[in-house]
């Protein structure tokens, strides 16, 4: 006869496995699988996310988040391209300026 404690542990383990599989599957569906072939206009870019192959994704990518003609989107770009890293540097510089301005006002 199976104890209640053992049955509860088995159910908990099964639930964890099912939820873990769904999370992994959902994360993978968000992965970039290829790179865009076009250069994006810098003024349309609102931010970026870094994707690495260390997780469930199979390529490294810089994912630019953009708004163009009132439509929001994301573009998977190759971090080996010079224009991609130039955009990342420009966004970092912009963020640093905002930080500096904000921190001066809170002293």
N, C-alpha and C. Protein backbone atom coordinates (compact mmCIF):
# COMPACT_ATOMS: atom_id res chain seq x y z
N UNK A 1 0.84 -1.19 0.00
CA UNK A 1 0.00 0.00 0.00
C UNK A 1 0.88 1.25 0.00
N UNK A 2 0.54 2.22 -0.82
CA UNK A 2 1.31 3.45 -0.95
C UNK A 2 0.86 4.44 0.12
N UNK A 3 1.83 5.02 0.80
CA UNK A 3 1.47 5.99 1.84
C UNK A 3 0.99 7.29 1.21
N UNK A 4 0.24 8.04 1.97
CA UNK A 4 -0.28 9.32 1.50
C UNK A 4 0.88 10.27 1.21
N UNK A 5 1.90 10.22 2.04
CA UNK A 5 3.06 11.09 1.87
C UNK A 5 3.78 10.79 0.55
N UNK A 6 3.96 9.52 0.24
CA UNK A 6 4.62 9.12 -1.01
C UNK A 6 3.78 9.52 -2.22
N UNK A 7 2.46 9.36 -2.12
CA UNK A 7 1.58 9.75 -3.22
C UNK A 7 1.62 11.26 -3.45
N UNK A 8 1.63 12.01 -2.36
CA UNK A 8 1.69 13.47 -2.46
C UNK A 8 3.00 13.91 -3.11
N UNK A 9 4.09 13.26 -2.73
CA UNK A 9 5.39 13.60 -3.31
C UNK A 9 5.41 13.27 -4.80
N UNK A 10 4.83 12.14 -5.18
CA UNK A 10 4.78 11.76 -6.60
C UNK A 10 3.96 12.76 -7.40
N UNK A 11 2.84 13.20 -6.86
CA UNK A 11 2.00 14.20 -7.54
C UNK A 11 2.75 15.53 -7.66
N UNK A 12 3.42 15.93 -6.59
CA UNK A 12 4.19 17.18 -6.63
C UNK A 12 5.29 17.11 -7.68
N UNK A 13 5.99 15.98 -7.74
CA UNK A 13 7.07 15.81 -8.72
C UNK A 13 6.52 15.84 -10.14
N UNK A 14 5.42 15.16 -10.36
CA UNK A 14 4.79 15.16 -11.68
C UNK A 14 4.36 16.56 -12.09
N UNK A 15 3.76 17.31 -11.16
CA UNK A 15 3.34 18.68 -11.43
C UNK A 15 4.54 19.55 -11.78
N UNK A 16 5.62 19.41 -11.01
CA UNK A 16 6.83 20.18 -11.27
C UNK A 16 7.38 19.88 -12.66
N UNK A 17 7.39 18.61 -13.05
CA UNK A 17 7.89 18.23 -14.37
C UNK A 17 7.04 18.81 -15.48
N UNK A 18 5.73 18.77 -15.32
CA UNK A 18 4.82 19.30 -16.35
C UNK A 18 4.99 20.81 -16.45
N UNK A 19 5.02 21.51 -15.31
CA UNK A 19 5.19 22.97 -15.34
C UNK A 19 6.54 23.35 -15.90
N UNK A 20 7.57 22.61 -15.54
CA UNK A 20 8.92 22.87 -16.06
C UNK A 20 8.98 22.72 -17.56
N UNK A 21 8.32 21.71 -18.09
CA UNK A 21 8.30 21.49 -19.54
C UNK A 21 7.56 22.62 -20.23
N UNK A 22 6.48 23.09 -19.66
CA UNK A 22 5.73 24.20 -20.26
C UNK A 22 6.54 25.49 -20.23
N UNK A 23 7.26 25.73 -19.15
CA UNK A 23 8.08 26.94 -19.05
C UNK A 23 9.20 26.89 -20.07
N UNK A 24 9.87 25.76 -20.19
CA UNK A 24 10.95 25.62 -21.17
C UNK A 24 10.41 25.80 -22.58
N UNK A 25 9.28 25.20 -22.86
CA UNK A 25 8.67 25.31 -24.17
C UNK A 25 8.27 26.75 -24.48
N UNK A 26 7.72 27.45 -23.48
CA UNK A 26 7.33 28.85 -23.67
C UNK A 26 8.57 29.71 -23.89
N UNK A 27 9.62 29.45 -23.13
CA UNK A 27 10.85 30.23 -23.28
C UNK A 27 11.45 29.99 -24.66
N UNK A 28 11.45 28.75 -25.12
CA UNK A 28 12.01 28.44 -26.43
C UNK A 28 11.22 29.14 -27.54
N UNK A 29 9.91 29.25 -27.37
CA UNK A 29 9.11 29.90 -28.41
C UNK A 29 9.45 31.38 -28.53
N UNK A 30 10.05 31.96 -27.49
CA UNK A 30 10.46 33.36 -27.52
C UNK A 30 11.86 33.53 -28.10
N UNK A 31 12.55 32.45 -28.36
CA UNK A 31 13.93 32.52 -28.85
C UNK A 31 13.99 33.00 -30.30
N UNK A 32 15.04 33.75 -30.59
CA UNK A 32 15.34 34.06 -31.98
C UNK A 32 15.94 32.81 -32.60
N UNK A 33 15.48 32.48 -33.79
CA UNK A 33 16.02 31.31 -34.48
C UNK A 33 16.83 31.70 -35.72
N UNK A 34 16.70 32.97 -36.12
CA UNK A 34 17.47 33.50 -37.25
C UNK A 34 17.58 35.00 -37.08
N UNK A 35 18.43 35.61 -37.89
CA UNK A 35 18.67 37.05 -37.81
C UNK A 35 17.93 37.79 -38.92
N UNK A 36 17.54 39.01 -38.62
CA UNK A 36 16.96 39.86 -39.65
C UNK A 36 18.06 40.21 -40.66
N UNK A 37 17.67 40.42 -41.88
CA UNK A 37 18.66 40.74 -42.92
C UNK A 37 18.73 42.23 -43.21
N UNK A 38 17.87 43.01 -42.54
CA UNK A 38 17.87 44.45 -42.82
C UNK A 38 18.32 45.25 -41.61
N UNK A 39 18.92 46.38 -41.88
CA UNK A 39 19.34 47.29 -40.82
C UNK A 39 18.13 48.11 -40.39
N UNK A 40 17.91 48.20 -39.11
CA UNK A 40 16.77 48.94 -38.57
C UNK A 40 17.09 50.42 -38.48
N UNK A 41 16.09 51.30 -38.61
CA UNK A 41 16.34 52.72 -38.39
C UNK A 41 16.49 52.99 -36.89
N UNK A 42 17.59 53.59 -36.48
CA UNK A 42 17.87 53.79 -35.06
C UNK A 42 16.76 54.54 -34.32
N UNK A 43 16.15 55.59 -34.89
CA UNK A 43 15.11 56.31 -34.15
C UNK A 43 13.90 55.44 -33.76
N UNK A 44 13.70 54.34 -34.43
CA UNK A 44 12.55 53.47 -34.13
C UNK A 44 12.82 52.56 -32.93
N UNK A 45 14.08 52.40 -32.55
CA UNK A 45 14.44 51.45 -31.49
C UNK A 45 14.15 52.04 -30.12
N UNK A 46 13.49 51.24 -29.28
CA UNK A 46 13.11 51.66 -27.93
C UNK A 46 13.94 50.98 -26.85
N UNK A 47 14.63 49.90 -27.20
CA UNK A 47 15.43 49.16 -26.23
C UNK A 47 15.93 47.87 -26.85
N UNK A 48 16.58 47.06 -26.02
CA UNK A 48 17.08 45.79 -26.54
C UNK A 48 17.17 44.76 -25.42
N UNK A 49 17.23 43.52 -25.83
CA UNK A 49 17.41 42.39 -24.93
C UNK A 49 18.55 41.55 -25.50
N UNK A 50 19.31 40.94 -24.61
CA UNK A 50 20.40 40.06 -25.04
C UNK A 50 19.94 38.61 -24.91
N UNK A 51 20.11 37.85 -25.97
CA UNK A 51 19.82 36.41 -25.95
C UNK A 51 21.13 35.66 -26.08
N UNK A 52 21.35 34.69 -25.20
CA UNK A 52 22.57 33.89 -25.27
C UNK A 52 22.22 32.42 -25.47
N UNK A 53 23.20 31.69 -25.94
CA UNK A 53 22.99 30.26 -26.18
C UNK A 53 23.07 29.45 -24.88
N UNK A 54 23.36 30.09 -23.77
CA UNK A 54 23.48 29.37 -22.50
C UNK A 54 22.14 28.85 -21.99
N UNK A 55 21.05 29.46 -22.43
CA UNK A 55 19.73 29.01 -22.01
C UNK A 55 19.18 27.99 -22.98
N UNK A 56 17.92 28.12 -23.30
CA UNK A 56 17.28 27.18 -24.21
C UNK A 56 17.41 27.61 -25.67
N UNK A 57 17.92 28.79 -25.91
CA UNK A 57 18.02 29.31 -27.27
C UNK A 57 19.30 28.82 -27.95
N UNK A 58 19.26 28.72 -29.27
CA UNK A 58 20.37 28.11 -30.01
C UNK A 58 21.30 29.11 -30.71
N UNK A 59 20.98 30.41 -30.67
CA UNK A 59 21.89 31.41 -31.25
C UNK A 59 22.00 32.59 -30.29
N UNK A 60 23.15 33.25 -30.32
CA UNK A 60 23.31 34.52 -29.62
C UNK A 60 22.64 35.59 -30.46
N UNK A 61 21.98 36.54 -29.82
CA UNK A 61 21.32 37.60 -30.58
C UNK A 61 21.13 38.83 -29.71
N UNK A 62 21.07 39.97 -30.37
CA UNK A 62 20.60 41.21 -29.76
C UNK A 62 19.20 41.40 -30.32
N UNK A 63 18.23 41.46 -29.43
CA UNK A 63 16.83 41.63 -29.85
C UNK A 63 16.46 43.09 -29.65
N UNK A 64 16.30 43.81 -30.74
CA UNK A 64 15.89 45.21 -30.65
C UNK A 64 14.37 45.29 -30.59
N UNK A 65 13.88 46.08 -29.64
CA UNK A 65 12.45 46.33 -29.51
C UNK A 65 12.20 47.68 -30.18
N UNK A 66 11.23 47.74 -31.06
CA UNK A 66 11.04 48.96 -31.84
C UNK A 66 9.57 49.31 -31.99
N UNK A 67 9.34 50.57 -32.33
CA UNK A 67 8.02 51.06 -32.71
C UNK A 67 8.19 51.73 -34.06
N UNK A 68 7.41 51.28 -35.03
CA UNK A 68 7.50 51.82 -36.38
C UNK A 68 6.09 51.93 -36.94
N UNK A 69 5.71 53.11 -37.37
CA UNK A 69 4.35 53.35 -37.86
C UNK A 69 3.29 52.87 -36.86
N UNK A 70 3.50 53.22 -35.59
CA UNK A 70 2.59 52.88 -34.49
C UNK A 70 2.49 51.38 -34.22
N UNK A 71 3.37 50.58 -34.81
CA UNK A 71 3.38 49.14 -34.56
C UNK A 71 4.62 48.79 -33.76
N UNK A 72 4.42 47.99 -32.72
CA UNK A 72 5.54 47.53 -31.91
C UNK A 72 6.00 46.18 -32.43
N UNK A 73 7.31 45.96 -32.32
CA UNK A 73 7.84 44.68 -32.77
C UNK A 73 9.20 44.42 -32.17
N UNK A 74 9.78 43.32 -32.59
CA UNK A 74 11.12 42.97 -32.14
C UNK A 74 11.87 42.39 -33.33
N UNK A 75 13.16 42.65 -33.36
CA UNK A 75 13.99 42.17 -34.46
C UNK A 75 15.21 41.48 -33.88
N UNK A 76 15.45 40.28 -34.33
CA UNK A 76 16.61 39.50 -33.91
C UNK A 76 17.79 39.88 -34.79
N UNK A 77 18.85 40.35 -34.17
CA UNK A 77 20.00 40.81 -34.95
C UNK A 77 21.27 40.08 -34.52
N UNK A 78 22.22 40.04 -35.44
CA UNK A 78 23.48 39.34 -35.23
C UNK A 78 24.45 40.26 -34.47
N UNK A 79 24.85 39.88 -33.25
CA UNK A 79 25.77 40.73 -32.48
C UNK A 79 27.15 40.87 -33.09
N UNK A 80 27.47 40.08 -34.11
CA UNK A 80 28.76 40.19 -34.79
C UNK A 80 28.79 41.33 -35.80
N UNK A 81 27.63 41.88 -36.13
CA UNK A 81 27.58 42.98 -37.11
C UNK A 81 27.93 44.31 -36.45
N UNK A 82 28.79 45.10 -37.07
CA UNK A 82 29.19 46.38 -36.47
C UNK A 82 28.02 47.32 -36.16
N UNK A 83 27.03 47.42 -37.04
CA UNK A 83 25.93 48.35 -36.79
C UNK A 83 25.11 47.93 -35.57
N UNK A 84 25.03 46.64 -35.31
CA UNK A 84 24.27 46.16 -34.14
C UNK A 84 24.94 46.64 -32.86
N UNK A 85 26.24 46.44 -32.75
CA UNK A 85 26.95 46.87 -31.55
C UNK A 85 27.03 48.38 -31.44
N UNK A 86 27.06 49.08 -32.58
CA UNK A 86 26.99 50.54 -32.56
C UNK A 86 25.67 51.00 -31.94
N UNK A 87 24.57 50.37 -32.32
CA UNK A 87 23.26 50.70 -31.75
C UNK A 87 23.22 50.42 -30.25
N UNK A 88 23.80 49.28 -29.83
CA UNK A 88 23.83 48.95 -28.41
C UNK A 88 24.62 50.02 -27.65
N UNK A 89 25.77 50.43 -28.18
CA UNK A 89 26.57 51.48 -27.55
C UNK A 89 25.80 52.80 -27.45
N UNK A 90 25.09 53.14 -28.51
CA UNK A 90 24.31 54.38 -28.51
C UNK A 90 23.19 54.33 -27.48
N UNK A 91 22.55 53.17 -27.35
CA UNK A 91 21.49 53.02 -26.35
C UNK A 91 22.05 53.08 -24.93
N UNK A 92 23.21 52.48 -24.72
CA UNK A 92 23.86 52.55 -23.40
C UNK A 92 24.22 53.99 -23.04
N UNK A 93 24.75 54.73 -24.02
CA UNK A 93 25.10 56.13 -23.78
C UNK A 93 23.86 56.94 -23.43
N UNK A 94 22.79 56.70 -24.15
CA UNK A 94 21.51 57.38 -23.90
C UNK A 94 21.01 57.06 -22.48
N UNK A 95 21.09 55.81 -22.09
CA UNK A 95 20.65 55.39 -20.76
C UNK A 95 21.52 56.01 -19.67
N UNK A 96 22.82 56.12 -19.92
CA UNK A 96 23.73 56.71 -18.94
C UNK A 96 23.41 58.19 -18.73
N UNK A 97 23.07 58.90 -19.81
CA UNK A 97 22.70 60.31 -19.69
C UNK A 97 21.44 60.47 -18.85
N UNK A 98 20.46 59.61 -19.07
CA UNK A 98 19.22 59.65 -18.28
C UNK A 98 19.52 59.37 -16.81
N UNK A 99 20.37 58.39 -16.57
CA UNK A 99 20.77 58.05 -15.20
C UNK A 99 21.45 59.24 -14.52
N UNK A 100 22.41 59.84 -15.23
CA UNK A 100 23.13 60.98 -14.66
C UNK A 100 22.19 62.13 -14.32
N UNK A 101 21.27 62.44 -15.22
CA UNK A 101 20.32 63.53 -14.99
C UNK A 101 19.40 63.22 -13.82
N UNK A 102 18.96 61.99 -13.73
CA UNK A 102 18.05 61.58 -12.67
C UNK A 102 18.75 61.56 -11.31
N UNK A 103 19.97 61.07 -11.29
CA UNK A 103 20.68 60.96 -9.99
C UNK A 103 21.07 62.34 -9.46
N UNK A 104 21.30 63.31 -10.32
CA UNK A 104 21.58 64.68 -9.87
C UNK A 104 20.38 65.27 -9.14
N UNK A 105 19.20 64.92 -9.60
CA UNK A 105 17.99 65.47 -9.00
C UNK A 105 17.62 64.83 -7.68
N UNK A 106 18.25 63.69 -7.32
CA UNK A 106 17.92 62.98 -6.10
C UNK A 106 18.98 63.11 -5.03
N UNK A 107 19.90 64.03 -5.17
CA UNK A 107 20.96 64.19 -4.16
C UNK A 107 20.53 65.14 -3.09
